[in-house]
Amino acid sequence: MKQLIESNASIKARIAECWGFQRKQIVLLELGYHDGWCDHAAFRVRGVGYSTDFKTLVMDPVWDEGAE
């Protein structure tokens, strides 16, 4: 049986709700899942990189635009 995973739209909504970003400005970069739910995410908003476990938010320069 194929396990369902949380959609990118749902993850963006959770990030926006937790941290106050606008959904349309969130660019998802790296996601980790546990039991089908995203439990950590790296993302960018207006060129600035962040990572979250949905309990804490960290500015993460590794994910800044142009850092790749």
C-alpha atoms as a PDB file:
ATOM      1  CA  MET A   1       0.000   0.000   0.000  1.00  0.00           C
ATOM      2  CA  LYS A   2       1.378   3.382  -1.014  1.00  0.00           C
ATOM      3  CA  GLN A   3       1.829   5.789   1.871  1.00  0.00           C
ATOM      4  CA  LEU A   4       0.465   9.287   1.338  1.00  0.00           C
ATOM      5  CA  ILE A   5       2.680  12.252   2.139  1.00  0.00           C
ATOM      6  CA  GLU A   6       1.760  15.804   3.039  1.00  0.00           C
ATOM      7  CA  SER A   7       1.450  18.099   0.030  1.00  0.00           C
ATOM      8  CA  ASN A   8       3.727  21.066  -0.635  1.00  0.00           C
ATOM      9  CA  ALA A   9       0.702  23.377  -0.370  1.00  0.00           C
ATOM     10  CA  SER A  10      -0.039  22.020   3.102  1.00  0.00           C
ATOM     11  CA  ILE A  11       3.587  22.462   4.184  1.00  0.00           C
ATOM     12  CA  LYS A  12       3.620  26.072   2.948  1.00  0.00           C
ATOM     13  CA  ALA A  13       0.380  26.705   4.849  1.00  0.00           C
ATOM     14  CA  ARG A  14       1.888  25.301   8.055  1.00  0.00           C
ATOM     15  CA  ILE A  15       5.037  27.424   7.665  1.00  0.00           C
ATOM     16  CA  ALA A  16       2.935  30.533   7.016  1.00  0.00           C
ATOM     17  CA  GLU A  17       0.743  29.835  10.041  1.00  0.00           C
ATOM     18  CA  CYS A  18       3.671  29.069  12.361  1.00  0.00           C
ATOM     19  CA  TRP A  19       6.002  31.895  11.334  1.00  0.00           C
ATOM     20  CA  GLY A  20       3.872  34.555   9.651  1.00  0.00           C
ATOM     21  CA  PHE A  21       5.308  34.370   6.127  1.00  0.00           C
ATOM     22  CA  GLN A  22       3.073  34.800   3.086  1.00  0.00           C
ATOM     23  CA  ARG A  23       2.489  31.453   1.370  1.00  0.00           C
ATOM     24  CA  LYS A  24       3.262  32.778  -2.101  1.00  0.00           C
ATOM     25  CA  GLN A  25       6.729  33.965  -0.951  1.00  0.00           C
ATOM     26  CA  ILE A  26       7.798  30.572   0.452  1.00  0.00           C
ATOM     27  CA  VAL A  27      10.083  28.515  -1.778  1.00  0.00           C
ATOM     28  CA  LEU A  28      10.487  24.978  -0.449  1.00  0.00           C
ATOM     29  CA  LEU A  29      14.020  23.596  -0.818  1.00  0.00           C
ATOM     30  CA  GLU A  30      14.410  20.451   1.276  1.00  0.00           C
ATOM     31  CA  LEU A  31      11.797  18.471   3.192  1.00  0.00           C
ATOM     32  CA  GLY A  32      11.953  15.613   5.666  1.00  0.00           C
ATOM     33  CA  TYR A  33       9.026  13.329   6.397  1.00  0.00           C
ATOM     34  CA  HIS A  34       7.989  11.055   9.234  1.00  0.00           C
ATOM     35  CA  ASP A  35       4.856   8.918   8.894  1.00  0.00           C
ATOM     36  CA  GLY A  36       3.783  10.940   5.872  1.00  0.00           C
ATOM     37  CA  TRP A  37       3.979  14.331   7.594  1.00  0.00           C
ATOM     38  CA  CYS A  38       6.706  16.891   7.011  1.00  0.00           C
ATOM     39  CA  ASP A  39       8.715  17.131  10.236  1.00  0.00           C
ATOM     40  CA  HIS A  40      11.391  19.550   9.016  1.00  0.00           C
ATOM     41  CA  ALA A  41      11.769  21.918   6.093  1.00  0.00           C
ATOM     42  CA  ALA A  42      14.388  24.162   4.552  1.00  0.00           C
ATOM     43  CA  PHE A  43      12.935  27.051   2.588  1.00  0.00           C
ATOM     44  CA  ARG A  44      13.603  30.535   1.278  1.00  0.00           C
ATOM     45  CA  VAL A  45      11.594  33.744   1.614  1.00  0.00           C
ATOM     46  CA  ARG A  46      12.673  36.782  -0.432  1.00  0.00           C
ATOM     47  CA  GLY A  47      16.146  35.271  -0.902  1.00  0.00           C
ATOM     48  CA  VAL A  48      16.765  34.502   2.799  1.00  0.00           C
ATOM     49  CA  GLY A  49      17.158  30.850   3.827  1.00  0.00           C
ATOM     50  CA  TYR A  50      15.423  29.314   6.840  1.00  0.00           C
ATOM     51  CA  SER A  51      14.948  25.892   8.379  1.00  0.00           C
ATOM     52  CA  THR A  52      12.259  24.734  10.769  1.00  0.00           C
ATOM     53  CA  ASP A  53      11.062  21.692  12.634  1.00  0.00           C
ATOM     54  CA  PHE A  54       7.743  23.528  13.185  1.00  0.00           C
ATOM     55  CA  LYS A  55       8.760  24.214  16.796  1.00  0.00           C
ATOM     56  CA  THR A  56      11.748  26.463  16.093  1.00  0.00           C
ATOM     57  CA  LEU A  57      12.775  28.684  13.192  1.00  0.00           C
ATOM     58  CA  VAL A  58      16.419  29.289  12.276  1.00  0.00           C
ATOM     59  CA  MET A  59      17.862  31.642   9.679  1.00  0.00           C
ATOM     60  CA  ASP A  60      20.067  29.323   7.648  1.00  0.00           C
ATOM     61  CA  PRO A  61      22.553  31.070   5.307  1.00  0.00           C
ATOM     62  CA  VAL A  62      23.257  27.746   3.573  1.00  0.00           C
ATOM     63  CA  TRP A  63      19.857  28.178   1.873  1.00  0.00           C
ATOM     64  CA  ASP A  64      20.226  31.894   1.020  1.00  0.00           C
ATOM     65  CA  GLU A  65      19.722  32.735  -2.643  1.00  0.00           C
ATOM     66  CA  GLY A  66      23.048  32.487  -4.445  1.00  0.00           C
ATOM     67  CA  ALA A  67      24.619  30.286  -1.757  1.00  0.00           C
ATOM     68  CA  GLU A  68      24.249  27.099  -3.836  1.00  0.00           C
END
